[in-house]
Amino acid sequence: MTKNSLYPSTLFHFTKKDGFLNILKETFKISYAREAIKSPKNERKYAVPMVSFCDIKLSEIKYFIEKGYGNYGIGLTKEWANKNGLTPVMYINRHSDIADNLIEGLNSMYAHISKLSNKSELNRMAKSYHNILNLYRYVKNYEGELIRDELLVDSNYRFADEREWRYVPSLEIPYIEPFVAISNIKTKSQKELYNQKVSHLKLSFEPEDIKYLFVENEDDIIELINHLDYAKSRYDSVTRKRLVSRILTVEQIKNDF
């Protein structure tokens, strides 16, 4: 890591309690996340299979938690992130021409492919299409609507504050839809159906990749220690002792950072 960087050497993932305990036991599960890219003339809504992280410092976590991501989390090294191919998202201004160009380019590619009848040409264009599609899975508006549990939390939330990194499954993995139209994933049951299709995909980490563990308050610490003992197939006694020293509470962060 570069010395005196504005960015930390850790990526953080926050979630609800049950999800956090499951991550420690079975590592990360891939799931479809709803996304929306807006521009001056266009809008495209869709869902992408991914796991998201934020590239923020400990002192900034208290502001991140307030946005409703959850009070339980894990911090993993950027060496782990690099090894697994995670990358920062590309933020674009929804008021810019580049946002329009991106959406219009994708629409044009769809239209072109739908008119092709020559199989070899179709296969060649499909590969080019997939390359553009893959880029699209790492794009996010700089600012936009923040929605949690179908409710509008902030009409002009600055997503760039999160400095998001993503893990997105390779386009080479068979039978995985890299993109899902928002109309196919509107309800909870629809989303669960698509998540089941990627349930076999995992983003794994080893105990030595963990730099921090976060729980809501002091009462959660003993439960977390017991959970690590329960999941001892992944955490031997030496590892559990090391991880206990890396537990922080959200109360600590709010009061002391």
Protein backbone atom coordinates (compact mmCIF):
# COMPACT_ATOMS: atom_id res chain seq x y z
CA MET A 1 0.00 0.00 0.00
CA THR A 2 1.08 3.57 -0.71
CA LYS A 3 2.17 5.40 2.42
CA ASN A 4 -0.02 8.29 3.62
CA SER A 5 -2.80 7.34 1.21
CA LEU A 6 -6.26 8.82 1.61
CA TYR A 7 -7.61 5.28 1.27
CA PRO A 8 -7.36 2.50 3.89
CA SER A 9 -5.79 -0.92 3.46
CA THR A 10 -9.12 -2.58 4.30
CA LEU A 11 -12.48 -3.07 2.58
CA PHE A 12 -15.62 -3.24 4.73
CA HIS A 13 -18.91 -5.06 4.30
CA PHE A 14 -21.83 -4.27 6.62
CA THR A 15 -25.08 -6.19 6.92
CA LYS A 16 -27.70 -7.41 9.39
CA LYS A 17 -26.82 -9.76 12.24
CA ASP A 18 -27.98 -13.04 10.68
CA GLY A 19 -26.17 -12.27 7.45
CA PHE A 20 -22.99 -11.39 9.32
CA LEU A 21 -22.94 -14.66 11.29
CA ASN A 22 -23.61 -16.62 8.12
CA ILE A 23 -20.70 -14.89 6.33
CA LEU A 24 -18.33 -15.96 9.10
CA LYS A 25 -19.58 -19.53 8.89
CA GLU A 26 -19.89 -19.98 5.11
CA THR A 27 -18.14 -16.92 3.53
CA PHE A 28 -19.98 -14.55 1.15
CA LYS A 29 -22.94 -15.63 -0.95
CA ILE A 30 -23.54 -13.91 -4.28
CA SER A 31 -26.91 -12.19 -4.66
CA TYR A 32 -28.64 -9.95 -7.19
CA ALA A 33 -28.63 -6.27 -6.27
CA ARG A 34 -31.00 -3.77 -7.88
CA GLU A 35 -29.27 -0.93 -9.70
CA ALA A 36 -30.38 2.13 -11.66
CA ILE A 37 -28.33 4.30 -13.99
CA LYS A 38 -29.91 7.66 -14.84
CA SER A 39 -28.84 10.25 -17.38
CA PRO A 40 -30.34 13.47 -18.77
CA LYS A 41 -32.36 11.56 -21.41
CA ASN A 42 -32.41 7.95 -20.27
CA GLU A 43 -32.76 5.58 -17.37
CA ARG A 44 -31.98 1.89 -17.10
CA LYS A 45 -32.93 -0.27 -14.14
CA TYR A 46 -31.59 -3.79 -13.70
CA ALA A 47 -30.08 -6.23 -11.21
CA VAL A 48 -26.54 -7.63 -11.09
CA PRO A 49 -25.13 -10.57 -9.09
CA MET A 50 -22.50 -9.21 -6.74
CA VAL A 51 -21.03 -8.65 -3.29
CA SER A 52 -20.34 -5.02 -2.38
CA PHE A 53 -17.76 -3.42 -0.09
CA CYS A 54 -16.82 0.11 0.89
CA ASP A 55 -13.35 1.64 0.76
CA ILE A 56 -13.65 3.95 3.77
CA LYS A 57 -11.62 4.62 6.88
CA LEU A 58 -12.65 3.61 10.41
CA SER A 59 -13.42 7.22 11.25
CA GLU A 60 -15.99 7.33 8.42
CA ILE A 61 -17.84 4.13 9.28
CA LYS A 62 -20.31 5.79 11.66
CA TYR A 63 -21.68 7.90 8.80
CA PHE A 64 -21.93 4.84 6.55
CA ILE A 65 -23.83 2.81 9.17
CA GLU A 66 -26.46 5.54 9.46
CA LYS A 67 -27.58 4.76 5.88
CA GLY A 68 -29.12 1.47 6.98
CA TYR A 69 -26.67 -1.13 5.74
CA GLY A 70 -26.54 -2.85 9.12
CA ASN A 71 -24.61 -2.72 12.40
CA TYR A 72 -22.58 -5.89 11.85
CA GLY A 73 -19.63 -6.13 9.54
CA ILE A 74 -16.30 -7.48 8.50
CA GLY A 75 -13.12 -5.78 7.30
CA LEU A 76 -10.89 -7.67 4.86
CA THR A 77 -7.48 -6.82 3.46
CA LYS A 78 -7.04 -5.28 0.04
CA GLU A 79 -4.52 -8.02 -0.71
CA TRP A 80 -7.47 -10.43 -0.43
CA ALA A 81 -9.56 -8.12 -2.66
CA ASN A 82 -6.87 -8.01 -5.34
CA LYS A 83 -6.42 -11.76 -5.26
CA ASN A 84 -10.15 -12.25 -5.85
CA GLY A 85 -10.51 -9.66 -8.61
CA LEU A 86 -12.59 -7.05 -6.82
CA THR A 87 -12.55 -3.57 -8.34
CA PRO A 88 -13.82 -0.08 -7.52
CA VAL A 89 -16.99 0.96 -9.31
CA MET A 90 -16.95 3.82 -11.83
CA TYR A 91 -19.09 6.74 -10.73
CA ILE A 92 -20.72 8.85 -13.41
CA ASN A 93 -22.68 12.08 -13.09
CA ARG A 94 -26.33 11.53 -14.00
CA HIS A 95 -26.37 15.02 -15.53
CA SER A 96 -23.52 14.26 -17.96
CA ASP A 97 -23.37 13.25 -21.61
CA ILE A 98 -21.28 10.18 -20.76
CA ALA A 99 -24.20 8.70 -18.84
CA ASP A 100 -26.44 9.17 -21.89
CA ASN A 101 -23.77 7.75 -24.19
CA LEU A 102 -23.36 4.64 -22.06
CA ILE A 103 -27.07 3.83 -21.99
CA GLU A 104 -27.56 4.63 -25.68
CA GLY A 105 -24.55 2.47 -26.59
CA LEU A 106 -26.02 -0.50 -24.77
CA ASN A 107 -29.43 0.03 -26.39
CA SER A 108 -27.79 0.18 -29.82
CA MET A 109 -25.93 -3.07 -29.18
CA TYR A 110 -29.19 -4.80 -28.20
CA ALA A 111 -30.84 -3.53 -31.39
CA HIS A 112 -27.93 -4.62 -33.59
CA ILE A 113 -27.74 -8.15 -32.20
CA SER A 114 -31.50 -8.66 -32.52
CA LYS A 115 -31.24 -8.07 -36.30
CA LEU A 116 -28.37 -10.50 -36.97
CA SER A 117 -29.14 -13.78 -38.73
CA ASN A 118 -25.60 -14.94 -39.55
CA LYS A 119 -24.52 -17.24 -36.71
CA SER A 120 -20.77 -16.47 -36.85
CA GLU A 121 -21.47 -12.74 -36.92
CA LEU A 122 -23.94 -13.14 -34.08
CA ASN A 123 -21.36 -14.97 -31.96
CA ARG A 124 -18.71 -12.33 -32.68
CA MET A 125 -21.02 -9.47 -31.78
CA ALA A 126 -22.31 -11.30 -28.72
CA LYS A 127 -18.75 -11.42 -27.36
CA SER A 128 -18.34 -7.67 -27.93
CA TYR A 129 -21.70 -7.11 -26.31
CA HIS A 130 -20.64 -9.10 -23.26
CA ASN A 131 -17.52 -6.96 -22.88
CA ILE A 132 -19.63 -3.80 -22.81
CA LEU A 133 -22.14 -5.51 -20.54
CA ASN A 134 -19.40 -6.39 -18.08
CA LEU A 135 -18.32 -2.74 -17.89
CA TYR A 136 -21.91 -1.77 -17.24
CA ARG A 137 -21.98 -4.00 -14.14
CA TYR A 138 -19.37 -1.76 -12.50
CA VAL A 139 -21.04 1.62 -13.15
CA LYS A 140 -23.01 3.65 -10.63
CA ASN A 141 -24.39 7.17 -10.49
CA TYR A 142 -22.36 9.62 -8.43
CA GLU A 143 -25.60 10.73 -6.77
CA GLY A 144 -29.12 9.36 -6.85
CA GLU A 145 -32.03 7.93 -4.89
CA LEU A 146 -31.16 5.71 -1.92
CA ILE A 147 -33.88 3.12 -1.37
CA ARG A 148 -34.01 0.67 1.52
CA ASP A 149 -36.74 -1.99 1.82
CA GLU A 150 -38.75 -0.30 -0.93
CA LEU A 151 -38.65 3.03 0.94
CA LEU A 152 -36.94 6.22 -0.21
CA VAL A 153 -34.29 7.09 2.39
CA ASP A 154 -32.60 9.96 0.53
CA SER A 155 -33.66 11.56 -2.78
CA ASN A 156 -30.12 12.73 -3.58
CA TYR A 157 -27.73 10.40 -1.80
CA ARG A 158 -24.07 10.69 -2.74
CA PHE A 159 -23.14 7.10 -3.55
CA ALA A 160 -19.55 8.15 -4.23
CA ASP A 161 -19.09 8.66 -0.48
CA GLU A 162 -19.12 4.87 -0.12
CA ARG A 163 -16.20 4.39 -2.54
CA GLU A 164 -17.73 1.05 -3.45
CA TRP A 165 -15.79 -2.00 -4.61
CA ARG A 166 -17.58 -4.97 -6.16
CA TYR A 167 -17.09 -8.63 -6.72
CA VAL A 168 -19.12 -9.72 -9.75
CA PRO A 169 -19.01 -13.31 -11.09
CA SER A 170 -17.20 -13.80 -14.38
CA LEU A 171 -19.20 -13.76 -17.59
CA GLU A 172 -17.56 -17.10 -18.38
CA ILE A 173 -19.52 -18.93 -15.68
CA PRO A 174 -22.27 -20.90 -17.47
CA TYR A 175 -25.98 -20.59 -16.73
CA ILE A 176 -25.57 -17.33 -14.80
CA GLU A 177 -27.48 -14.31 -16.01
CA PRO A 178 -25.06 -11.35 -15.77
CA PHE A 179 -27.94 -8.89 -16.04
CA VAL A 180 -31.59 -9.19 -15.03
CA ALA A 181 -34.28 -6.74 -16.14
CA ILE A 182 -35.83 -4.97 -13.18
CA SER A 183 -39.28 -6.18 -14.30
CA ASN A 184 -38.16 -9.73 -13.55
CA ILE A 185 -36.97 -9.01 -10.03
CA LYS A 186 -39.49 -6.55 -8.59
CA THR A 187 -40.85 -8.71 -5.77
CA LYS A 188 -39.07 -10.44 -2.91
CA SER A 189 -40.04 -13.87 -4.23
CA GLN A 190 -38.70 -13.01 -7.70
CA LYS A 191 -35.40 -11.88 -6.22
CA GLU A 192 -35.14 -15.06 -4.12
CA LEU A 193 -35.68 -17.12 -7.28
CA TYR A 194 -32.76 -15.47 -9.05
CA ASN A 195 -30.57 -15.62 -5.94
CA GLN A 196 -31.19 -19.35 -5.84
CA LYS A 197 -29.68 -19.61 -9.31
CA VAL A 198 -26.38 -18.22 -8.00
CA SER A 199 -26.53 -19.86 -4.56
CA HIS A 200 -23.66 -22.19 -5.47
CA LEU A 201 -21.30 -19.26 -6.05
CA LYS A 202 -19.20 -18.06 -3.11
CA LEU A 203 -16.65 -15.35 -2.49
CA SER A 204 -14.33 -17.05 -0.05
CA PHE A 205 -11.85 -15.68 2.47
CA GLU A 206 -9.55 -17.19 5.05
CA PRO A 207 -9.37 -16.16 8.72
CA GLU A 208 -6.02 -14.45 8.14
CA ASP A 209 -7.71 -12.13 5.61
CA ILE A 210 -9.86 -10.61 8.38
CA LYS A 211 -8.68 -7.33 9.89
CA TYR A 212 -11.81 -6.27 11.78
CA LEU A 213 -15.11 -7.67 13.01
CA PHE A 214 -17.96 -5.31 13.97
CA VAL A 215 -20.93 -5.93 16.23
CA GLU A 216 -23.62 -3.57 17.44
CA ASN A 217 -22.77 -3.45 21.15
CA GLU A 218 -20.88 -5.14 23.99
CA ASP A 219 -23.62 -7.74 24.49
CA ASP A 220 -22.92 -9.12 21.02
CA ILE A 221 -19.25 -9.88 21.69
CA ILE A 222 -19.81 -13.07 23.71
CA GLU A 223 -22.30 -14.31 21.12
CA LEU A 224 -19.75 -13.68 18.37
CA ILE A 225 -17.03 -15.54 20.28
CA ASN A 226 -19.39 -18.48 20.77
CA HIS A 227 -20.28 -18.39 17.09
CA LEU A 228 -16.62 -18.56 16.10
CA ASP A 229 -16.30 -21.58 18.37
CA TYR A 230 -19.37 -23.13 16.73
CA ALA A 231 -17.81 -22.57 13.31
CA LYS A 232 -14.50 -24.03 14.50
CA SER A 233 -14.01 -25.95 11.27
CA ARG A 234 -12.91 -22.56 9.90
CA TYR A 235 -11.45 -21.04 13.06
CA ASP A 236 -9.01 -22.95 15.27
CA SER A 237 -8.35 -21.85 18.86
CA VAL A 238 -5.35 -19.65 17.99
CA THR A 239 -7.29 -17.94 15.19
CA ARG A 240 -10.30 -17.34 17.44
CA LYS A 241 -8.11 -15.65 20.04
CA ARG A 242 -6.58 -13.43 17.38
CA LEU A 243 -9.97 -12.47 15.96
CA VAL A 244 -11.37 -11.60 19.39
CA SER A 245 -8.74 -8.85 19.61
CA ARG A 246 -10.09 -7.41 16.34
CA ILE A 247 -13.71 -7.00 17.44
CA LEU A 248 -15.07 -3.46 17.54
CA THR A 249 -18.56 -2.33 18.45
CA VAL A 250 -20.63 0.24 16.60
CA GLU A 251 -21.02 2.01 19.96
CA GLN A 252 -17.22 2.39 20.14
CA ILE A 253 -17.05 3.73 16.62
CA LYS A 254 -19.80 6.29 17.22
CA ASN A 255 -18.25 7.50 20.46
CA ASP A 256 -14.51 7.27 19.87
CA PHE A 257 -13.81 7.78 16.16
